[in-house]
PDB file of N, CA and C in Angstrom:
ATOM      1  N   UNK A   1      38.595  32.708  42.949  1.00  0.00           N
ATOM      2  CA  UNK A   1      37.905  32.248  41.762  1.00  0.00           C
ATOM      3  C   UNK A   1      38.829  31.281  41.021  1.00  0.00           C
ATOM      4  N   UNK A   2      38.305  30.114  40.668  1.00  0.00           N
ATOM      5  CA  UNK A   2      39.087  29.120  39.955  1.00  0.00           C
ATOM      6  C   UNK A   2      39.181  29.425  38.467  1.00  0.00           C
ATOM      7  N   UNK A   3      40.068  28.706  37.805  1.00  0.00           N
ATOM      8  CA  UNK A   3      40.282  28.941  36.375  1.00  0.00           C
ATOM      9  C   UNK A   3      39.050  28.637  35.533  1.00  0.00           C
ATOM     10  N   UNK A   4      38.275  27.617  35.899  1.00  0.00           N
ATOM     11  CA  UNK A   4      37.078  27.305  35.119  1.00  0.00           C
ATOM     12  C   UNK A   4      36.070  28.444  35.226  1.00  0.00           C
ATOM     13  N   UNK A   5      35.923  28.987  36.417  1.00  0.00           N
ATOM     14  CA  UNK A   5      35.008  30.113  36.604  1.00  0.00           C
ATOM     15  C   UNK A   5      35.490  31.340  35.819  1.00  0.00           C
ATOM     16  N   UNK A   6      36.793  31.582  35.842  1.00  0.00           N
ATOM     17  CA  UNK A   6      37.353  32.688  35.055  1.00  0.00           C
ATOM     18  C   UNK A   6      37.087  32.474  33.568  1.00  0.00           C
ATOM     19  N   UNK A   7      37.304  31.233  33.115  1.00  0.00           N
ATOM     20  CA  UNK A   7      37.080  30.901  31.701  1.00  0.00           C
ATOM     21  C   UNK A   7      35.613  31.104  31.328  1.00  0.00           C
ATOM     22  N   UNK A   8      34.716  30.608  32.167  1.00  0.00           N
ATOM     23  CA  UNK A   8      33.284  30.778  31.900  1.00  0.00           C
ATOM     24  C   UNK A   8      32.908  32.256  31.854  1.00  0.00           C
ATOM     25  N   UNK A   9      33.490  33.055  32.735  1.00  0.00           N
ATOM     26  CA  UNK A   9      33.193  34.486  32.762  1.00  0.00           C
ATOM     27  C   UNK A   9      33.593  35.185  31.467  1.00  0.00           C
ATOM     28  N   UNK A  10      34.621  34.685  30.809  1.00  0.00           N
ATOM     29  CA  UNK A  10      35.017  35.242  29.515  1.00  0.00           C
ATOM     30  C   UNK A  10      33.867  35.089  28.518  1.00  0.00           C
ATOM     31  N   UNK A  11      33.283  33.903  28.460  1.00  0.00           N
ATOM     32  CA  UNK A  11      32.172  33.658  27.537  1.00  0.00           C
ATOM     33  C   UNK A  11      30.933  34.448  27.938  1.00  0.00           C
ATOM     34  N   UNK A  12      30.695  34.550  29.242  1.00  0.00           N
ATOM     35  CA  UNK A  12      29.557  35.337  29.723  1.00  0.00           C
ATOM     36  C   UNK A  12      29.712  36.786  29.294  1.00  0.00           C
ATOM     37  N   UNK A  13      30.919  37.324  29.443  1.00  0.00           N
ATOM     38  CA  UNK A  13      31.161  38.715  29.077  1.00  0.00           C
ATOM     39  C   UNK A  13      31.038  38.938  27.570  1.00  0.00           C
ATOM     40  N   UNK A  14      31.597  38.045  26.776  1.00  0.00           N
ATOM     41  CA  UNK A  14      31.609  38.237  25.323  1.00  0.00           C
ATOM     42  C   UNK A  14      30.240  37.978  24.705  1.00  0.00           C
ATOM     43  N   UNK A  15      29.558  36.931  25.145  1.00  0.00           N
ATOM     44  CA  UNK A  15      28.295  36.542  24.509  1.00  0.00           C
ATOM     45  C   UNK A  15      27.052  36.885  25.321  1.00  0.00           C
ATOM     46  N   UNK A  16      27.222  37.282  26.573  1.00  0.00           N
ATOM     47  CA  UNK A  16      26.074  37.611  27.409  1.00  0.00           C
ATOM     48  C   UNK A  16      25.189  36.412  27.693  1.00  0.00           C
ATOM     49  N   UNK A  17      25.796  35.231  27.854  1.00  0.00           N
ATOM     50  CA  UNK A  17      25.034  34.009  28.101  1.00  0.00           C
ATOM     51  C   UNK A  17      25.120  33.616  29.566  1.00  0.00           C
ATOM     52  N   UNK A  18      24.219  32.755  29.964  1.00  0.00           N
ATOM     53  CA  UNK A  18      24.234  32.174  31.290  1.00  0.00           C
ATOM     54  C   UNK A  18      25.293  31.081  31.320  1.00  0.00           C
ATOM     55  N   UNK A  19      26.109  31.004  32.368  1.00  0.00           N
ATOM     56  CA  UNK A  19      27.159  29.976  32.419  1.00  0.00           C
ATOM     57  C   UNK A  19      26.627  28.547  32.238  1.00  0.00           C
ATOM     58  N   UNK A  20      25.362  28.303  32.613  1.00  0.00           N
ATOM     59  CA  UNK A  20      24.781  26.978  32.452  1.00  0.00           C
ATOM     60  C   UNK A  20      24.614  26.595  30.979  1.00  0.00           C
ATOM     61  N   UNK A  21      24.663  27.588  30.079  1.00  0.00           N
ATOM     62  CA  UNK A  21      24.526  27.315  28.645  1.00  0.00           C
ATOM     63  C   UNK A  21      25.847  26.903  28.000  1.00  0.00           C
ATOM     64  N   UNK A  22      26.921  26.980  28.755  1.00  0.00           N
ATOM     65  CA  UNK A  22      28.234  26.649  28.210  1.00  0.00           C
ATOM     66  C   UNK A  22      28.458  25.147  28.308  1.00  0.00           C
ATOM     67  N   UNK A  23      28.722  24.545  27.171  1.00  0.00           N
ATOM     68  CA  UNK A  23      28.981  23.101  27.118  1.00  0.00           C
ATOM     69  C   UNK A  23      29.667  22.804  25.804  1.00  0.00           C
ATOM     70  N   UNK A  24      29.858  21.531  25.548  1.00  0.00           N
ATOM     71  CA  UNK A  24      30.537  21.106  24.331  1.00  0.00           C
ATOM     72  C   UNK A  24      29.899  21.605  23.054  1.00  0.00           C
ATOM     73  N   UNK A  25      28.598  21.858  23.094  1.00  0.00           N
ATOM     74  CA  UNK A  25      27.916  22.302  21.879  1.00  0.00           C
ATOM     75  C   UNK A  25      27.998  23.812  21.659  1.00  0.00           C
ATOM     76  N   UNK A  26      28.571  24.550  22.604  1.00  0.00           N
ATOM     77  CA  UNK A  26      28.686  26.004  22.456  1.00  0.00           C
ATOM     78  C   UNK A  26      29.870  26.284  21.538  1.00  0.00           C
ATOM     79  N   UNK A  27      29.553  26.540  20.274  1.00  0.00           N
ATOM     80  CA  UNK A  27      30.618  26.691  19.278  1.00  0.00           C
ATOM     81  C   UNK A  27      30.214  27.649  18.174  1.00  0.00           C
ATOM     82  N   UNK A  28      31.174  27.934  17.358  1.00  0.00           N
ATOM     83  CA  UNK A  28      30.980  28.809  16.201  1.00  0.00           C
ATOM     84  C   UNK A  28      29.841  28.302  15.308  1.00  0.00           C
ATOM     85  N   UNK A  29      29.712  26.982  15.208  1.00  0.00           N
ATOM     86  CA  UNK A  29      28.681  26.393  14.357  1.00  0.00           C
ATOM     87  C   UNK A  29      27.280  26.485  14.949  1.00  0.00           C
ATOM     88  N   UNK A  30      27.195  26.581  16.283  1.00  0.00           N
ATOM     89  CA  UNK A  30      25.889  26.538  16.944  1.00  0.00           C
ATOM     90  C   UNK A  30      25.432  27.847  17.577  1.00  0.00           C
ATOM     91  N   UNK A  31      26.284  28.856  17.553  1.00  0.00           N
ATOM     92  CA  UNK A  31      25.940  30.136  18.174  1.00  0.00           C
ATOM     93  C   UNK A  31      25.878  31.193  17.074  1.00  0.00           C
ATOM     94  N   UNK A  32      24.671  31.670  16.808  1.00  0.00           N
ATOM     95  CA  UNK A  32      24.474  32.619  15.701  1.00  0.00           C
ATOM     96  C   UNK A  32      25.316  33.876  15.814  1.00  0.00           C
ATOM     97  N   UNK A  33      25.485  34.363  17.039  1.00  0.00           N
ATOM     98  CA  UNK A  33      26.199  35.627  17.213  1.00  0.00           C
ATOM     99  C   UNK A  33      27.718  35.470  17.163  1.00  0.00           C
ATOM    100  N   UNK A  34      28.223  34.242  17.049  1.00  0.00           N
ATOM    101  CA  UNK A  34      29.675  34.009  17.027  1.00  0.00           C
ATOM    102  C   UNK A  34      30.224  34.469  15.688  1.00  0.00           C
ATOM    103  N   UNK A  35      31.019  35.507  15.715  1.00  0.00           N
ATOM    104  CA  UNK A  35      31.661  36.009  14.495  1.00  0.00           C
ATOM    105  C   UNK A  35      33.122  36.302  14.819  1.00  0.00           C
ATOM    106  N   UNK A  36      33.839  36.861  13.858  1.00  0.00           N
ATOM    107  CA  UNK A  36      35.269  37.092  14.051  1.00  0.00           C
ATOM    108  C   UNK A  36      35.545  38.087  15.177  1.00  0.00           C
ATOM    109  N   UNK A  37      34.673  39.050  15.366  1.00  0.00           N
ATOM    110  CA  UNK A  37      34.858  40.025  16.442  1.00  0.00           C
ATOM    111  C   UNK A  37      34.706  39.342  17.801  1.00  0.00           C
ATOM    112  N   UNK A  38      33.677  38.511  17.935  1.00  0.00           N
ATOM    113  CA  UNK A  38      33.494  37.786  19.188  1.00  0.00           C
ATOM    114  C   UNK A  38      34.678  36.857  19.455  1.00  0.00           C
ATOM    115  N   UNK A  39      35.159  36.198  18.414  1.00  0.00           N
ATOM    116  CA  UNK A  39      36.290  35.287  18.577  1.00  0.00           C
ATOM    117  C   UNK A  39      37.542  36.047  19.024  1.00  0.00           C
ATOM    118  N   UNK A  40      37.773  37.194  18.428  1.00  0.00           N
ATOM    119  CA  UNK A  40      38.914  38.017  18.823  1.00  0.00           C
ATOM    120  C   UNK A  40      38.768  38.498  20.269  1.00  0.00           C
ATOM    121  N   UNK A  41      37.555  38.853  20.661  1.00  0.00           N
ATOM    122  CA  UNK A  41      37.311  39.260  22.048  1.00  0.00           C
ATOM    123  C   UNK A  41      37.574  38.108  23.013  1.00  0.00           C
ATOM    124  N   UNK A  42      37.151  36.887  22.636  1.00  0.00           N
ATOM    125  CA  UNK A  42      37.417  35.719  23.469  1.00  0.00           C
ATOM    126  C   UNK A  42      38.913  35.529  23.673  1.00  0.00           C
ATOM    127  N   UNK A  43      39.650  35.578  22.581  1.00  0.00           N
ATOM    128  CA  UNK A  43      41.093  35.373  22.626  1.00  0.00           C
ATOM    129  C   UNK A  43      41.762  36.450  23.471  1.00  0.00           C
ATOM    130  N   UNK A  44      41.400  37.695  23.243  1.00  0.00           N
ATOM    131  CA  UNK A  44      41.997  38.808  23.983  1.00  0.00           C
ATOM    132  C   UNK A  44      41.748  38.669  25.482  1.00  0.00           C
ATOM    133  N   UNK A  45      40.505  38.373  25.847  1.00  0.00           N
ATOM    134  CA  UNK A  45      40.184  38.224  27.269  1.00  0.00           C
ATOM    135  C   UNK A  45      40.879  37.011  27.876  1.00  0.00           C
ATOM    136  N   UNK A  46      40.985  35.921  27.132  1.00  0.00           N
ATOM    137  CA  UNK A  46      41.680  34.729  27.626  1.00  0.00           C
ATOM    138  C   UNK A  46      43.152  35.041  27.864  1.00  0.00           C
ATOM    139  N   UNK A  47      43.767  35.740  26.919  1.00  0.00           N
ATOM    140  CA  UNK A  47      45.179  36.103  27.076  1.00  0.00           C
ATOM    141  C   UNK A  47      45.377  36.999  28.294  1.00  0.00           C
ATOM    142  N   UNK A  48      44.493  37.970  28.476  1.00  0.00           N
ATOM    143  CA  UNK A  48      44.605  38.878  29.617  1.00  0.00           C
ATOM    144  C   UNK A  48      44.327  38.171  30.934  1.00  0.00           C
ATOM    145  N   UNK A  49      43.288  37.356  30.946  1.00  0.00           N
ATOM    146  CA  UNK A  49      42.874  36.675  32.179  1.00  0.00           C
ATOM    147  C   UNK A  49      43.931  35.697  32.673  1.00  0.00           C
ATOM    148  N   UNK A  50      44.523  34.952  31.750  1.00  0.00           N
ATOM    149  CA  UNK A  50      45.463  33.900  32.135  1.00  0.00           C
ATOM    150  C   UNK A  50      46.924  34.280  31.897  1.00  0.00           C
ATOM    151  N   UNK A  51      47.155  35.525  31.499  1.00  0.00           N
ATOM    152  CA  UNK A  51      48.510  36.042  31.285  1.00  0.00           C
ATOM    153  C   UNK A  51      49.319  35.128  30.362  1.00  0.00           C
ATOM    154  N   UNK A  52      48.736  34.901  29.177  1.00  0.00           N
ATOM    155  CA  UNK A  52      49.372  34.050  28.167  1.00  0.00           C
ATOM    156  C   UNK A  52      49.360  34.777  26.834  1.00  0.00           C
ATOM    157  N   UNK A  53      50.076  34.212  25.871  1.00  0.00           N
ATOM    158  CA  UNK A  53      50.082  34.738  24.508  1.00  0.00           C
ATOM    159  C   UNK A  53      49.834  33.560  23.571  1.00  0.00           C
ATOM    160  N   UNK A  54      48.740  33.618  22.824  1.00  0.00           N
ATOM    161  CA  UNK A  54      48.385  32.521  21.936  1.00  0.00           C
ATOM    162  C   UNK A  54      49.022  32.694  20.564  1.00  0.00           C
ATOM    163  N   UNK A  55      49.383  31.569  19.975  1.00  0.00           N
ATOM    164  CA  UNK A  55      49.912  31.558  18.617  1.00  0.00           C
ATOM    165  C   UNK A  55      48.771  31.785  17.632  1.00  0.00           C
ATOM    166  N   UNK A  56      49.084  32.275  16.422  1.00  0.00           N
ATOM    167  CA  UNK A  56      48.033  32.474  15.416  1.00  0.00           C
ATOM    168  C   UNK A  56      47.199  31.214  15.163  1.00  0.00           C
ATOM    169  N   UNK A  57      47.838  30.059  15.174  1.00  0.00           N
ATOM    170  CA  UNK A  57      47.108  28.802  14.956  1.00  0.00           C
ATOM    171  C   UNK A  57      46.072  28.568  16.063  1.00  0.00           C
ATOM    172  N   UNK A  58      46.461  28.868  17.301  1.00  0.00           N
ATOM    173  CA  UNK A  58      45.533  28.716  18.419  1.00  0.00           C
ATOM    174  C   UNK A  58      44.399  29.734  18.345  1.00  0.00           C
ATOM    175  N   UNK A  59      44.709  30.928  17.915  1.00  0.00           N
ATOM    176  CA  UNK A  59      43.676  31.971  17.779  1.00  0.00           C
ATOM    177  C   UNK A  59      42.628  31.522  16.773  1.00  0.00           C
ATOM    178  N   UNK A  60      43.066  30.984  15.658  1.00  0.00           N
ATOM    179  CA  UNK A  60      42.137  30.501  14.632  1.00  0.00           C
ATOM    180  C   UNK A  60      41.366  29.271  15.100  1.00  0.00           C
ATOM    181  N   UNK A  61      41.976  28.478  15.975  1.00  0.00           N
ATOM    182  CA  UNK A  61      41.340  27.259  16.453  1.00  0.00           C
ATOM    183  C   UNK A  61      40.410  27.448  17.627  1.00  0.00           C
ATOM    184  N   UNK A  62      40.335  28.657  18.155  1.00  0.00           N
ATOM    185  CA  UNK A  62      39.490  28.954  19.317  1.00  0.00           C
ATOM    186  C   UNK A  62      38.060  29.138  18.831  1.00  0.00           C
ATOM    187  N   UNK A  63      37.451  28.050  18.390  1.00  0.00           N
ATOM    188  CA  UNK A  63      36.139  28.126  17.741  1.00  0.00           C
ATOM    189  C   UNK A  63      35.021  27.464  18.526  1.00  0.00           C
ATOM    190  N   UNK A  64      35.316  27.057  19.746  1.00  0.00           N
ATOM    191  CA  UNK A  64      34.268  26.498  20.597  1.00  0.00           C
ATOM    192  C   UNK A  64      34.704  26.568  22.055  1.00  0.00           C
ATOM    193  N   UNK A  65      33.753  26.354  22.919  1.00  0.00           N
ATOM    194  CA  UNK A  65      34.022  26.346  24.357  1.00  0.00           C
ATOM    195  C   UNK A  65      35.054  25.276  24.684  1.00  0.00           C
ATOM    196  N   UNK A  66      34.857  24.066  24.158  1.00  0.00           N
ATOM    197  CA  UNK A  66      35.770  22.956  24.444  1.00  0.00           C
ATOM    198  C   UNK A  66      37.134  23.153  23.788  1.00  0.00           C
ATOM    199  N   UNK A  67      37.165  23.645  22.556  1.00  0.00           N
ATOM    200  CA  UNK A  67      38.446  23.878  21.871  1.00  0.00           C
ATOM    201  C   UNK A  67      39.278  24.898  22.633  1.00  0.00           C
ATOM    202  N   UNK A  68      38.635  25.909  23.176  1.00  0.00           N
ATOM    203  CA  UNK A  68      39.340  26.914  23.964  1.00  0.00           C
ATOM    204  C   UNK A  68      39.986  26.310  25.196  1.00  0.00           C
ATOM    205  N   UNK A  69      39.285  25.384  25.848  1.00  0.00           N
ATOM    206  CA  UNK A  69      39.853  24.723  27.021  1.00  0.00           C
ATOM    207  C   UNK A  69      41.085  23.904  26.653  1.00  0.00           C
ATOM    208  N   UNK A  70      41.028  23.205  25.529  1.00  0.00           N
ATOM    209  CA  UNK A  70      42.170  22.411  25.064  1.00  0.00           C
ATOM    210  C   UNK A  70      43.363  23.325  24.790  1.00  0.00           C
ATOM    211  N   UNK A  71      43.113  24.424  24.109  1.00  0.00           N
ATOM    212  CA  UNK A  71      44.177  25.379  23.778  1.00  0.00           C
ATOM    213  C   UNK A  71      44.797  25.950  25.051  1.00  0.00           C
ATOM    214  N   UNK A  72      43.969  26.323  26.003  1.00  0.00           N
ATOM    215  CA  UNK A  72      44.493  26.898  27.243  1.00  0.00           C
ATOM    216  C   UNK A  72      45.256  25.863  28.060  1.00  0.00           C
ATOM    217  N   UNK A  73      44.808  24.613  28.038  1.00  0.00           N
ATOM    218  CA  UNK A  73      45.554  23.558  28.745  1.00  0.00           C
ATOM    219  C   UNK A  73      46.964  23.426  28.178  1.00  0.00           C
ATOM    220  N   UNK A  74      47.096  23.542  26.866  1.00  0.00           N
ATOM    221  CA  UNK A  74      48.419  23.465  26.249  1.00  0.00           C
ATOM    222  C   UNK A  74      49.303  24.618  26.703  1.00  0.00           C
ATOM    223  N   UNK A  75      48.690  25.705  27.146  1.00  0.00           N
ATOM    224  CA  UNK A  75      49.431  26.864  27.641  1.00  0.00           C
ATOM    225  C   UNK A  75      49.695  26.776  29.147  1.00  0.00           C
ATOM    226  N   UNK A  76      49.292  25.656  29.746  1.00  0.00           N
ATOM    227  CA  UNK A  76      49.546  25.446  31.164  1.00  0.00           C
ATOM    228  C   UNK A  76      48.426  25.856  32.096  1.00  0.00           C
ATOM    229  N   UNK A  77      47.269  26.202  31.538  1.00  0.00           N
ATOM    230  CA  UNK A  77      46.115  26.575  32.367  1.00  0.00           C
ATOM    231  C   UNK A  77      45.399  25.291  32.784  1.00  0.00           C
ATOM    232  N   UNK A  78      45.254  25.092  34.085  1.00  0.00           N
ATOM    233  CA  UNK A  78      44.584  23.906  34.615  1.00  0.00           C
ATOM    234  C   UNK A  78      43.133  24.226  34.945  1.00  0.00           C
ATOM    235  N   UNK A  79      42.257  23.282  34.600  1.00  0.00           N
ATOM    236  CA  UNK A  79      40.820  23.443  34.915  1.00  0.00           C
ATOM    237  C   UNK A  79      40.384  22.397  35.907  1.00  0.00           C
TER     238      UNK A  79
END
């Protein structure tokens, strides 16, 4: 399984969405169920999946599908 598939599975697990629904518009502003608990779950699963530790600034900035990819790239995760 590639990193993009692993990343998509995190969102599928947290939000129960179809991977085809994940795109640039999938964000805190556009997803009604996105709250602080979901965001924390995203961060926790990303850290576990990719064996990384995010800084508080990155945790707060993990507010969309695309922003999460940018943050993970800075941690050395290739998509």
